Full PDB file with SEQRES, HELIX, SHEET, SSBOND, CRYST1, ORIGX, SCALE, CONECT and MASTER records, all heavy atoms in Angstrom:
SEQRES   1 A   38  GLY PHE TYR TYR PHE ASP SER LYS LEU VAL ILE THR THR          
SEQRES   2 A   38  SER PRO PHE PHE ILE PRO SER ALA THR VAL ARG HIS ASP          
SEQRES   3 A   38  ASN GLU THR TRP ALA VAL PHE GLY GLN ALA SER TYR              
SHEET    1 AA1 2 PHE A   2  THR A  13  0                                        
SHEET    2 AA1 2 ALA A  21  VAL A  32 -1                                        
CRYST1    1.000    1.000    1.000  90.00  90.00  90.00 P 1           1          
ORIGX1      1.000000  0.000000  0.000000        0.00000                         
ORIGX2      0.000000  1.000000  0.000000        0.00000                         
ORIGX3      0.000000  0.000000  1.000000        0.00000                         
SCALE1      1.000000  0.000000  0.000000        0.00000                         
SCALE2      0.000000  1.000000  0.000000        0.00000                         
SCALE3      0.000000  0.000000  1.000000        0.00000                         
ATOM      1  N   GLY A   1     112.317  81.490 133.785  1.00  0.00           N  
ATOM      2  CA  GLY A   1     111.346  82.478 134.233  1.00  0.00           C  
ATOM      3  C   GLY A   1     111.254  82.609 135.733  1.00  0.00           C  
ATOM      4  O   GLY A   1     111.949  81.939 136.507  1.00  0.00           O  
ATOM      5  N   PHE A   2     110.334  83.498 136.129  1.00  0.00           N  
ATOM      6  CA  PHE A   2     110.057  83.817 137.528  1.00  0.00           C  
ATOM      7  C   PHE A   2     108.546  83.802 137.722  1.00  0.00           C  
ATOM      8  O   PHE A   2     107.794  84.282 136.871  1.00  0.00           O  
ATOM      9  CB  PHE A   2     110.613  85.198 137.886  1.00  0.00           C  
ATOM     10  CG  PHE A   2     110.180  85.703 139.243  1.00  0.00           C  
ATOM     11  CD1 PHE A   2     110.826  85.277 140.396  1.00  0.00           C  
ATOM     12  CD2 PHE A   2     109.123  86.599 139.363  1.00  0.00           C  
ATOM     13  CE1 PHE A   2     110.420  85.730 141.640  1.00  0.00           C  
ATOM     14  CE2 PHE A   2     108.723  87.070 140.600  1.00  0.00           C  
ATOM     15  CZ  PHE A   2     109.375  86.639 141.744  1.00  0.00           C  
ATOM     16  N   TYR A   3     108.104  83.238 138.851  1.00  0.00           N  
ATOM     17  CA  TYR A   3     106.674  83.136 139.155  1.00  0.00           C  
ATOM     18  C   TYR A   3     106.421  83.659 140.564  1.00  0.00           C  
ATOM     19  O   TYR A   3     107.185  83.367 141.496  1.00  0.00           O  
ATOM     20  CB  TYR A   3     106.220  81.680 139.045  1.00  0.00           C  
ATOM     21  CG  TYR A   3     104.785  81.446 139.463  1.00  0.00           C  
ATOM     22  CD1 TYR A   3     103.737  81.728 138.600  1.00  0.00           C  
ATOM     23  CD2 TYR A   3     104.489  80.923 140.727  1.00  0.00           C  
ATOM     24  CE1 TYR A   3     102.421  81.510 138.987  1.00  0.00           C  
ATOM     25  CE2 TYR A   3     103.183  80.698 141.114  1.00  0.00           C  
ATOM     26  CZ  TYR A   3     102.153  80.984 140.244  1.00  0.00           C  
ATOM     27  OH  TYR A   3     100.855  80.775 140.631  1.00  0.00           O  
ATOM     28  N   TYR A   4     105.306  84.411 140.732  1.00  0.00           N  
ATOM     29  CA  TYR A   4     104.941  84.958 142.038  1.00  0.00           C  
ATOM     30  C   TYR A   4     103.450  84.741 142.267  1.00  0.00           C  
ATOM     31  O   TYR A   4     102.630  84.921 141.359  1.00  0.00           O  
ATOM     32  CB  TYR A   4     105.256  86.452 142.102  1.00  0.00           C  
ATOM     33  CG  TYR A   4     104.832  87.105 143.399  1.00  0.00           C  
ATOM     34  CD1 TYR A   4     105.592  86.952 144.560  1.00  0.00           C  
ATOM     35  CD2 TYR A   4     103.669  87.864 143.457  1.00  0.00           C  
ATOM     36  CE1 TYR A   4     105.199  87.542 145.753  1.00  0.00           C  
ATOM     37  CE2 TYR A   4     103.269  88.461 144.649  1.00  0.00           C  
ATOM     38  CZ  TYR A   4     104.038  88.300 145.801  1.00  0.00           C  
ATOM     39  OH  TYR A   4     103.643  88.879 146.973  1.00  0.00           O  
ATOM     40  N   PHE A   5     103.089  84.333 143.493  1.00  0.00           N  
ATOM     41  CA  PHE A   5     101.695  84.081 143.864  1.00  0.00           C  
ATOM     42  C   PHE A   5     101.442  84.690 145.232  1.00  0.00           C  
ATOM     43  O   PHE A   5     102.224  84.502 146.169  1.00  0.00           O  
ATOM     44  CB  PHE A   5     101.429  82.574 143.897  1.00  0.00           C  
ATOM     45  CG  PHE A   5     100.102  82.177 144.481  1.00  0.00           C  
ATOM     46  CD1 PHE A   5      98.968  82.134 143.691  1.00  0.00           C  
ATOM     47  CD2 PHE A   5     100.002  81.825 145.819  1.00  0.00           C  
ATOM     48  CE1 PHE A   5      97.749  81.750 144.228  1.00  0.00           C  
ATOM     49  CE2 PHE A   5      98.786  81.439 146.367  1.00  0.00           C  
ATOM     50  CZ  PHE A   5      97.652  81.401 145.566  1.00  0.00           C  
ATOM     51  N   ASP A   6     100.326  85.407 145.359  1.00  0.00           N  
ATOM     52  CA  ASP A   6      99.951  85.999 146.645  1.00  0.00           C  
ATOM     53  C   ASP A   6      98.449  85.817 146.843  1.00  0.00           C  
ATOM     54  O   ASP A   6      97.652  86.156 145.969  1.00  0.00           O  
ATOM     55  CB  ASP A   6     100.306  87.493 146.691  1.00  0.00           C  
ATOM     56  CG  ASP A   6     100.009  88.101 148.049  1.00  0.00           C  
ATOM     57  OD1 ASP A   6     100.779  87.856 148.990  1.00  0.00           O  
ATOM     58  OD2 ASP A   6      98.988  88.810 148.163  1.00  0.00           O  
ATOM     59  N   SER A   7      98.067  85.251 147.987  1.00  0.00           N  
ATOM     60  CA  SER A   7      96.660  84.956 148.254  1.00  0.00           C  
ATOM     61  C   SER A   7      96.298  85.382 149.667  1.00  0.00           C  
ATOM     62  O   SER A   7      97.066  85.159 150.605  1.00  0.00           O  
ATOM     63  CB  SER A   7      96.398  83.454 148.086  1.00  0.00           C  
ATOM     64  OG  SER A   7      95.081  83.122 148.500  1.00  0.00           O  
ATOM     65  N   LYS A   8      95.115  85.987 149.789  1.00  0.00           N  
ATOM     66  CA  LYS A   8      94.562  86.353 151.092  1.00  0.00           C  
ATOM     67  C   LYS A   8      93.138  85.804 151.144  1.00  0.00           C  
ATOM     68  O   LYS A   8      92.294  86.143 150.314  1.00  0.00           O  
ATOM     69  CB  LYS A   8      94.573  87.871 151.296  1.00  0.00           C  
ATOM     70  CG  LYS A   8      95.979  88.449 151.370  1.00  0.00           C  
ATOM     71  CD  LYS A   8      95.955  89.969 151.464  1.00  0.00           C  
ATOM     72  CE  LYS A   8      97.365  90.510 151.682  1.00  0.00           C  
ATOM     73  NZ  LYS A   8      98.295  90.099 150.602  1.00  0.00           N  
ATOM     74  N   LEU A   9      92.878  84.957 152.142  1.00  0.00           N  
ATOM     75  CA  LEU A   9      91.599  84.250 152.245  1.00  0.00           C  
ATOM     76  C   LEU A   9      91.052  84.400 153.657  1.00  0.00           C  
ATOM     77  O   LEU A   9      91.727  84.068 154.630  1.00  0.00           O  
ATOM     78  CB  LEU A   9      91.806  82.768 151.909  1.00  0.00           C  
ATOM     79  CG  LEU A   9      90.651  81.810 152.203  1.00  0.00           C  
ATOM     80  CD1 LEU A   9      89.443  82.147 151.349  1.00  0.00           C  
ATOM     81  CD2 LEU A   9      91.085  80.366 151.970  1.00  0.00           C  
ATOM     82  N   VAL A  10      89.824  84.910 153.766  1.00  0.00           N  
ATOM     83  CA  VAL A  10      89.137  85.058 155.052  1.00  0.00           C  
ATOM     84  C   VAL A  10      87.890  84.180 155.024  1.00  0.00           C  
ATOM     85  O   VAL A  10      87.037  84.333 154.143  1.00  0.00           O  
ATOM     86  CB  VAL A  10      88.752  86.522 155.333  1.00  0.00           C  
ATOM     87  CG1 VAL A  10      88.046  86.631 156.686  1.00  0.00           C  
ATOM     88  CG2 VAL A  10      89.993  87.412 155.303  1.00  0.00           C  
ATOM     89  N   ILE A  11      87.782  83.255 155.988  1.00  0.00           N  
ATOM     90  CA  ILE A  11      86.686  82.293 156.041  1.00  0.00           C  
ATOM     91  C   ILE A  11      86.021  82.371 157.411  1.00  0.00           C  
ATOM     92  O   ILE A  11      86.698  82.411 158.440  1.00  0.00           O  
ATOM     93  CB  ILE A  11      87.180  80.854 155.800  1.00  0.00           C  
ATOM     94  CG1 ILE A  11      87.812  80.722 154.415  1.00  0.00           C  
ATOM     95  CG2 ILE A  11      86.040  79.857 155.943  1.00  0.00           C  
ATOM     96  CD1 ILE A  11      88.339  79.339 154.136  1.00  0.00           C  
ATOM     97  N   THR A  12      84.690  82.373 157.418  1.00  0.00           N  
ATOM     98  CA  THR A  12      83.926  82.317 158.660  1.00  0.00           C  
ATOM     99  C   THR A  12      83.115  81.030 158.691  1.00  0.00           C  
ATOM    100  O   THR A  12      82.404  80.713 157.729  1.00  0.00           O  
ATOM    101  CB  THR A  12      82.985  83.519 158.791  1.00  0.00           C  
ATOM    102  OG1 THR A  12      83.765  84.719 158.878  1.00  0.00           O  
ATOM    103  CG2 THR A  12      82.113  83.400 160.033  1.00  0.00           C  
ATOM    104  N   THR A  13      83.235  80.293 159.800  1.00  0.00           N  
ATOM    105  CA  THR A  13      82.467  79.067 160.005  1.00  0.00           C  
ATOM    106  C   THR A  13      81.480  79.289 161.134  1.00  0.00           C  
ATOM    107  O   THR A  13      81.853  79.756 162.214  1.00  0.00           O  
ATOM    108  CB  THR A  13      83.401  77.891 160.351  1.00  0.00           C  
ATOM    109  OG1 THR A  13      84.291  77.666 159.255  1.00  0.00           O  
ATOM    110  CG2 THR A  13      82.608  76.621 160.616  1.00  0.00           C  
ATOM    111  N   SER A  14      80.208  78.935 160.881  1.00  0.00           N  
ATOM    112  CA  SER A  14      79.141  79.141 161.864  1.00  0.00           C  
ATOM    113  C   SER A  14      78.537  77.795 162.245  1.00  0.00           C  
ATOM    114  O   SER A  14      77.723  77.244 161.484  1.00  0.00           O  
ATOM    115  CB  SER A  14      78.055  80.059 161.298  1.00  0.00           C  
ATOM    116  OG  SER A  14      78.592  81.320 160.921  1.00  0.00           O  
ATOM    117  N   PRO A  15      78.901  77.236 163.428  1.00  0.00           N  
ATOM    118  CA  PRO A  15      78.278  75.980 163.875  1.00  0.00           C  
ATOM    119  C   PRO A  15      76.873  76.191 164.432  1.00  0.00           C  
ATOM    120  O   PRO A  15      76.119  75.241 164.590  1.00  0.00           O  
ATOM    121  CB  PRO A  15      79.224  75.482 164.970  1.00  0.00           C  
ATOM    122  CG  PRO A  15      80.466  76.309 164.842  1.00  0.00           C  
ATOM    123  CD  PRO A  15      80.021  77.615 164.265  1.00  0.00           C  
ATOM    124  N   PHE A  16      76.536  77.449 164.785  1.00  0.00           N  
ATOM    125  CA  PHE A  16      75.232  77.897 165.267  1.00  0.00           C  
ATOM    126  C   PHE A  16      74.953  77.530 166.722  1.00  0.00           C  
ATOM    127  O   PHE A  16      74.240  78.265 167.399  1.00  0.00           O  
ATOM    128  CB  PHE A  16      74.094  77.401 164.360  1.00  0.00           C  
ATOM    129  CG  PHE A  16      74.124  78.026 163.001  1.00  0.00           C  
ATOM    130  CD1 PHE A  16      74.572  77.313 161.916  1.00  0.00           C  
ATOM    131  CD2 PHE A  16      73.736  79.340 162.824  1.00  0.00           C  
ATOM    132  CE1 PHE A  16      74.628  77.891 160.649  1.00  0.00           C  
ATOM    133  CE2 PHE A  16      73.780  79.931 161.572  1.00  0.00           C  
ATOM    134  CZ  PHE A  16      74.223  79.199 160.485  1.00  0.00           C  
ATOM    135  N   PHE A  17      75.476  76.421 167.242  1.00  0.00           N  
ATOM    136  CA  PHE A  17      75.273  76.153 168.664  1.00  0.00           C  
ATOM    137  C   PHE A  17      76.249  76.948 169.521  1.00  0.00           C  
ATOM    138  O   PHE A  17      76.103  77.014 170.738  1.00  0.00           O  
ATOM    139  CB  PHE A  17      75.384  74.654 168.956  1.00  0.00           C  
ATOM    140  CG  PHE A  17      76.732  74.053 168.699  1.00  0.00           C  
ATOM    141  CD1 PHE A  17      77.656  73.950 169.722  1.00  0.00           C  
ATOM    142  CD2 PHE A  17      77.075  73.597 167.441  1.00  0.00           C  
ATOM    143  CE1 PHE A  17      78.899  73.386 169.497  1.00  0.00           C  
ATOM    144  CE2 PHE A  17      78.315  73.028 167.215  1.00  0.00           C  
ATOM    145  CZ  PHE A  17      79.227  72.926 168.237  1.00  0.00           C  
ATOM    146  N   ILE A  18      77.262  77.543 168.864  1.00  0.00           N  
ATOM    147  CA  ILE A  18      78.164  78.497 169.493  1.00  0.00           C  
ATOM    148  C   ILE A  18      78.412  79.604 168.484  1.00  0.00           C  
ATOM    149  O   ILE A  18      78.080  79.463 167.300  1.00  0.00           O  
ATOM    150  CB  ILE A  18      79.499  77.840 169.916  1.00  0.00           C  
ATOM    151  CG1 ILE A  18      80.152  77.132 168.714  1.00  0.00           C  
ATOM    152  CG2 ILE A  18      79.308  76.902 171.085  1.00  0.00           C  
ATOM    153  CD1 ILE A  18      81.526  76.584 169.015  1.00  0.00           C  
ATOM    154  N   PRO A  19      78.978  80.756 168.920  1.00  0.00           N  
ATOM    155  CA  PRO A  19      79.241  81.837 167.958  1.00  0.00           C  
ATOM    156  C   PRO A  19      80.199  81.416 166.851  1.00  0.00           C  
ATOM    157  O   PRO A  19      80.918  80.415 166.951  1.00  0.00           O  
ATOM    158  CB  PRO A  19      79.854  82.937 168.841  1.00  0.00           C  
ATOM    159  CG  PRO A  19      79.349  82.654 170.212  1.00  0.00           C  
ATOM    160  CD  PRO A  19      79.248  81.168 170.312  1.00  0.00           C  
ATOM    161  N   SER A  20      80.216  82.202 165.803  1.00  0.00           N  
ATOM    162  CA  SER A  20      81.034  81.923 164.627  1.00  0.00           C  
ATOM    163  C   SER A  20      82.526  82.111 164.933  1.00  0.00           C  
ATOM    164  O   SER A  20      82.905  82.805 165.878  1.00  0.00           O  
ATOM    165  CB  SER A  20      80.638  82.850 163.482  1.00  0.00           C  
ATOM    166  OG  SER A  20      79.281  82.690 163.149  1.00  0.00           O  
ATOM    167  N   ALA A  21      83.350  81.490 164.095  1.00  0.00           N  
ATOM    168  CA  ALA A  21      84.805  81.643 164.176  1.00  0.00           C  
ATOM    169  C   ALA A  21      85.311  82.071 162.809  1.00  0.00           C  
ATOM    170  O   ALA A  21      84.836  81.585 161.778  1.00  0.00           O  
ATOM    171  CB  ALA A  21      85.465  80.343 164.602  1.00  0.00           C  
ATOM    172  N   THR A  22      86.271  82.988 162.801  1.00  0.00           N  
ATOM    173  CA  THR A  22      86.824  83.516 161.548  1.00  0.00           C  
ATOM    174  C   THR A  22      88.334  83.302 161.521  1.00  0.00           C  
ATOM    175  O   THR A  22      89.020  83.536 162.516  1.00  0.00           O  
ATOM    176  CB  THR A  22      86.515  85.015 161.397  1.00  0.00           C  
ATOM    177  OG1 THR A  22      85.097  85.200 161.363  1.00  0.00           O  
ATOM    178  CG2 THR A  22      87.110  85.569 160.114  1.00  0.00           C  
ATOM    179  N   VAL A  23      88.834  82.833 160.372  1.00  0.00           N  
ATOM    180  CA  VAL A  23      90.269  82.650 160.197  1.00  0.00           C  
ATOM    181  C   VAL A  23      90.698  83.357 158.924  1.00  0.00           C  
ATOM    182  O   VAL A  23      89.929  83.509 157.974  1.00  0.00           O  
ATOM    183  CB  VAL A  23      90.669  81.160 160.127  1.00  0.00           C  
ATOM    184  CG1 VAL A  23      90.345  80.456 161.424  1.00  0.00           C  
ATOM    185  CG2 VAL A  23      90.001  80.476 158.948  1.00  0.00           C  
ATOM    186  N   ARG A  24      91.949  83.803 158.933  1.00  0.00           N  
ATOM    187  CA  ARG A  24      92.553  84.414 157.750  1.00  0.00           C  
ATOM    188  C   ARG A  24      93.805  83.622 157.376  1.00  0.00           C  
ATOM    189  O   ARG A  24      94.679  83.393 158.201  1.00  0.00           O  
ATOM    190  CB  ARG A  24      92.918  85.875 157.998  1.00  0.00           C  
ATOM    191  CG  ARG A  24      93.759  86.467 156.860  1.00  0.00           C  
ATOM    192  CD  ARG A  24      93.989  87.945 157.013  1.00  0.00           C  
ATOM    193  NE  ARG A  24      94.977  88.417 156.042  1.00  0.00           N  
ATOM    194  CZ  ARG A  24      94.975  89.633 155.504  1.00  0.00           C  
ATOM    195  NH1 ARG A  24      94.027  90.483 155.816  1.00  0.00           N  
ATOM    196  NH2 ARG A  24      95.924  89.976 154.648  1.00  0.00           N  
ATOM    197  N   HIS A  25      93.846  83.196 156.106  1.00  0.00           N  
ATOM    198  CA  HIS A  25      95.013  82.504 155.566  1.00  0.00           C  
ATOM    199  C   HIS A  25      95.743  83.444 154.609  1.00  0.00           C  
ATOM    200  O   HIS A  25      95.119  84.031 153.718  1.00  0.00           O  
ATOM    201  CB  HIS A  25      94.597  81.262 154.774  1.00  0.00           C  
ATOM    202  CG  HIS A  25      93.983  80.175 155.589  1.00  0.00           C  
ATOM    203  ND1 HIS A  25      94.708  79.136 156.115  1.00  0.00           N  
ATOM    204  CD2 HIS A  25      92.695  79.955 155.971  1.00  0.00           C  
ATOM    205  CE1 HIS A  25      93.912  78.324 156.768  1.00  0.00           C  
ATOM    206  NE2 HIS A  25      92.678  78.793 156.695  1.00  0.00           N  
ATOM    207  N   ASP A  26      97.045  83.577 154.783  1.00  0.00           N  
ATOM    208  CA  ASP A  26      97.884  84.305 153.836  1.00  0.00           C  
ATOM    209  C   ASP A  26      98.915  83.336 153.261  1.00  0.00           C  
ATOM    210  O   ASP A  26      99.524  82.555 153.996  1.00  0.00           O  
ATOM    211  CB  ASP A  26      98.598  85.477 154.513  1.00  0.00           C  
ATOM    212  CG  ASP A  26      97.641  86.607 154.847  1.00  0.00           C  
ATOM    213  OD1 ASP A  26      97.224  87.306 153.921  1.00  0.00           O  
ATOM    214  OD2 ASP A  26      97.299  86.769 156.032  1.00  0.00           O  
ATOM    215  N   ASN A  27      99.102  83.410 151.950  1.00  0.00           N  
ATOM    216  CA  ASN A  27     100.030  82.510 151.279  1.00  0.00           C  
ATOM    217  C   ASN A  27     100.813  83.309 150.238  1.00  0.00           C  
ATOM    218  O   ASN A  27     100.226  83.923 149.350  1.00  0.00           O  
ATOM    219  CB  ASN A  27      99.255  81.368 150.611  1.00  0.00           C  
ATOM    220  CG  ASN A  27     100.150  80.345 149.928  1.00  0.00           C  
ATOM    221  OD1 ASN A  27      99.676  79.553 149.128  1.00  0.00           O  
ATOM    222  ND2 ASN A  27     101.431  80.319 150.246  1.00  0.00           N  
ATOM    223  N   GLU A  28     102.126  83.320 150.387  1.00  0.00           N  
ATOM    224  CA  GLU A  28     102.991  83.991 149.422  1.00  0.00           C  
ATOM    225  C   GLU A  28     104.017  82.981 148.907  1.00  0.00           C  
ATOM    226  O   GLU A  28     104.713  82.336 149.685  1.00  0.00           O  
ATOM    227  CB  GLU A  28     103.702  85.179 150.053  1.00  0.00           C  
ATOM    228  CG  GLU A  28     104.532  85.983 149.055  1.00  0.00           C  
ATOM    229  CD  GLU A  28     105.203  87.185 149.698  1.00  0.00           C  
ATOM    230  OE1 GLU A  28     105.698  87.046 150.835  1.00  0.00           O  
ATOM    231  OE2 GLU A  28     105.230  88.259 149.074  1.00  0.00           O  
ATOM    232  N   THR A  29     104.079  82.847 147.591  1.00  0.00           N  
ATOM    233  CA  THR A  29     104.977  81.893 146.954  1.00  0.00           C  
ATOM    234  C   THR A  29     105.724  82.575 145.824  1.00  0.00           C  
ATOM    235  O   THR A  29     105.143  83.387 145.095  1.00  0.00           O  
ATOM    236  CB  THR A  29     104.188  80.704 146.376  1.00  0.00           C  
ATOM    237  OG1 THR A  29     103.497  80.036 147.423  1.00  0.00           O  
ATOM    238  CG2 THR A  29     105.104  79.718 145.681  1.00  0.00           C  
ATOM    239  N   TRP A  30     106.996  82.238 145.685  1.00  0.00           N  
ATOM    240  CA  TRP A  30     107.726  82.669 144.499  1.00  0.00           C  
ATOM    241  C   TRP A  30     108.635  81.523 144.045  1.00  0.00           C  
ATOM    242  O   TRP A  30     109.012  80.651 144.826  1.00  0.00           O  
ATOM    243  CB  TRP A  30     108.526  83.950 144.744  1.00  0.00           C  
ATOM    244  CG  TRP A  30     109.629  83.839 145.760  1.00  0.00           C  
ATOM    245  CD1 TRP A  30     109.535  84.070 147.099  1.00  0.00           C  
ATOM    246  CD2 TRP A  30     110.992  83.487 145.502  1.00  0.00           C  
ATOM    247  NE1 TRP A  30     110.754  83.876 147.700  1.00  0.00           N  
ATOM    248  CE2 TRP A  30     111.662  83.526 146.750  1.00  0.00           C  
ATOM    249  CE3 TRP A  30     111.712  83.158 144.358  1.00  0.00           C  
ATOM    250  CZ2 TRP A  30     113.019  83.233 146.884  1.00  0.00           C  
ATOM    251  CZ3 TRP A  30     113.070  82.855 144.484  1.00  0.00           C  
ATOM    252  CH2 TRP A  30     113.705  82.907 145.719  1.00  0.00           C  
ATOM    253  N   ALA A  31     108.926  81.533 142.767  1.00  0.00           N  
ATOM    254  CA  ALA A  31     109.733  80.452 142.205  1.00  0.00           C  
ATOM    255  C   ALA A  31     110.520  80.964 141.017  1.00  0.00           C  
ATOM    256  O   ALA A  31     110.094  81.885 140.306  1.00  0.00           O  
ATOM    257  CB  ALA A  31     108.846  79.278 141.786  1.00  0.00           C  
ATOM    258  N   VAL A  32     111.663  80.353 140.784  1.00  0.00           N  
ATOM    259  CA  VAL A  32     112.418  80.564 139.549  1.00  0.00           C  
ATOM    260  C   VAL A  32     112.554  79.197 138.889  1.00  0.00           C  
ATOM    261  O   VAL A  32     112.692  78.170 139.573  1.00  0.00           O  
ATOM    262  CB  VAL A  32     113.801  81.193 139.809  1.00  0.00           C  
ATOM    263  CG1 VAL A  32     113.660  82.627 140.247  1.00  0.00           C  
ATOM    264  CG2 VAL A  32     114.585  80.388 140.840  1.00  0.00           C  
ATOM    265  N   PHE A  33     112.498  79.171 137.568  1.00  0.00           N  
ATOM    266  CA  PHE A  33     112.509  77.893 136.880  1.00  0.00           C  
ATOM    267  C   PHE A  33     113.241  78.007 135.555  1.00  0.00           C  
ATOM    268  O   PHE A  33     113.393  79.097 134.985  1.00  0.00           O  
ATOM    269  CB  PHE A  33     111.071  77.394 136.636  1.00  0.00           C  
ATOM    270  CG  PHE A  33     110.215  78.334 135.825  1.00  0.00           C  
ATOM    271  CD1 PHE A  33     110.193  78.263 134.439  1.00  0.00           C  
ATOM    272  CD2 PHE A  33     109.422  79.292 136.452  1.00  0.00           C  
ATOM    273  CE1 PHE A  33     109.408  79.126 133.691  1.00  0.00           C  
ATOM    274  CE2 PHE A  33     108.640  80.157 135.717  1.00  0.00           C  
ATOM    275  CZ  PHE A  33     108.634  80.079 134.323  1.00  0.00           C  
ATOM    276  N   GLY A  34     113.691  76.880 135.077  1.00  0.00           N  
ATOM    277  CA  GLY A  34     114.347  76.816 133.786  1.00  0.00           C  
ATOM    278  C   GLY A  34     114.182  75.434 133.188  1.00  0.00           C  
ATOM    279  O   GLY A  34     114.083  74.438 133.908  1.00  0.00           O  
ATOM    280  N   GLN A  35     114.125  75.384 131.870  1.00  0.00           N  
ATOM    281  CA  GLN A  35     113.995  74.116 131.174  1.00  0.00           C  
ATOM    282  C   GLN A  35     114.733  74.205 129.853  1.00  0.00           C  
ATOM    283  O   GLN A  35     114.711  75.241 129.184  1.00  0.00           O  
ATOM    284  CB  GLN A  35     112.518  73.785 130.927  1.00  0.00           C  
ATOM    285  CG  GLN A  35     112.284  72.451 130.232  1.00  0.00           C  
ATOM    286  CD  GLN A  35     110.815  72.113 130.125  1.00  0.00           C  
ATOM    287  OE1 GLN A  35     110.054  72.296 131.058  1.00  0.00           O  
ATOM    288  NE2 GLN A  35     110.417  71.616 128.965  1.00  0.00           N  
ATOM    289  N   ALA A  36     115.366  73.110 129.469  1.00  0.00           N  
ATOM    290  CA  ALA A  36     116.098  73.073 128.207  1.00  0.00           C  
ATOM    291  C   ALA A  36     115.846  71.749 127.514  1.00  0.00           C  
ATOM    292  O   ALA A  36     115.691  70.706 128.163  1.00  0.00           O  
ATOM    293  CB  ALA A  36     117.597  73.258 128.446  1.00  0.00           C  
ATOM    294  N   SER A  37     115.783  71.796 126.193  1.00  0.00           N  
ATOM    295  CA  SER A  37     115.651  70.576 125.398  1.00  0.00           C  
ATOM    296  C   SER A  37     116.782  70.556 124.364  1.00  0.00           C  
ATOM    297  O   SER A  37     117.126  71.592 123.778  1.00  0.00           O  
ATOM    298  CB  SER A  37     114.293  70.514 124.714  1.00  0.00           C  
ATOM    299  OG  SER A  37     114.116  71.594 123.821  1.00  0.00           O  
ATOM    300  N   TYR A  38     117.311  69.360 124.151  1.00  0.00           N  
ATOM    301  CA  TYR A  38     118.434  69.212 123.226  1.00  0.00           C  
ATOM    302  C   TYR A  38     118.160  68.024 122.304  1.00  0.00           C  
ATOM    303  O   TYR A  38     117.842  66.921 122.768  1.00  0.00           O  
ATOM    304  CB  TYR A  38     119.733  68.989 123.983  1.00  0.00           C  
ATOM    305  CG  TYR A  38     120.951  68.978 123.087  1.00  0.00           C  
ATOM    306  CD1 TYR A  38     121.536  70.164 122.662  1.00  0.00           C  
ATOM    307  CD2 TYR A  38     121.517  67.773 122.666  1.00  0.00           C  
ATOM    308  CE1 TYR A  38     122.643  70.158 121.831  1.00  0.00           C  
ATOM    309  CE2 TYR A  38     122.633  67.752 121.832  1.00  0.00           C  
ATOM    310  CZ  TYR A  38     123.188  68.956 121.416  1.00  0.00           C  
ATOM    311  OH  TYR A  38     124.286  68.960 120.590  1.00  0.00           O  
TER     312      TYR A  38                                                      
MASTER        0    0    0    0    2    0    0    6  311    1    0    3          
END                                                                             
């Protein structure tokens, strides 16, 4: 088979003693796999 994964994540952290910070994580994964039993 074939597997595909795509993720987009936006996170904001607020320490409050300074302004907030925002980061965006992008993750793209694909895989091919095979299995056999005998």
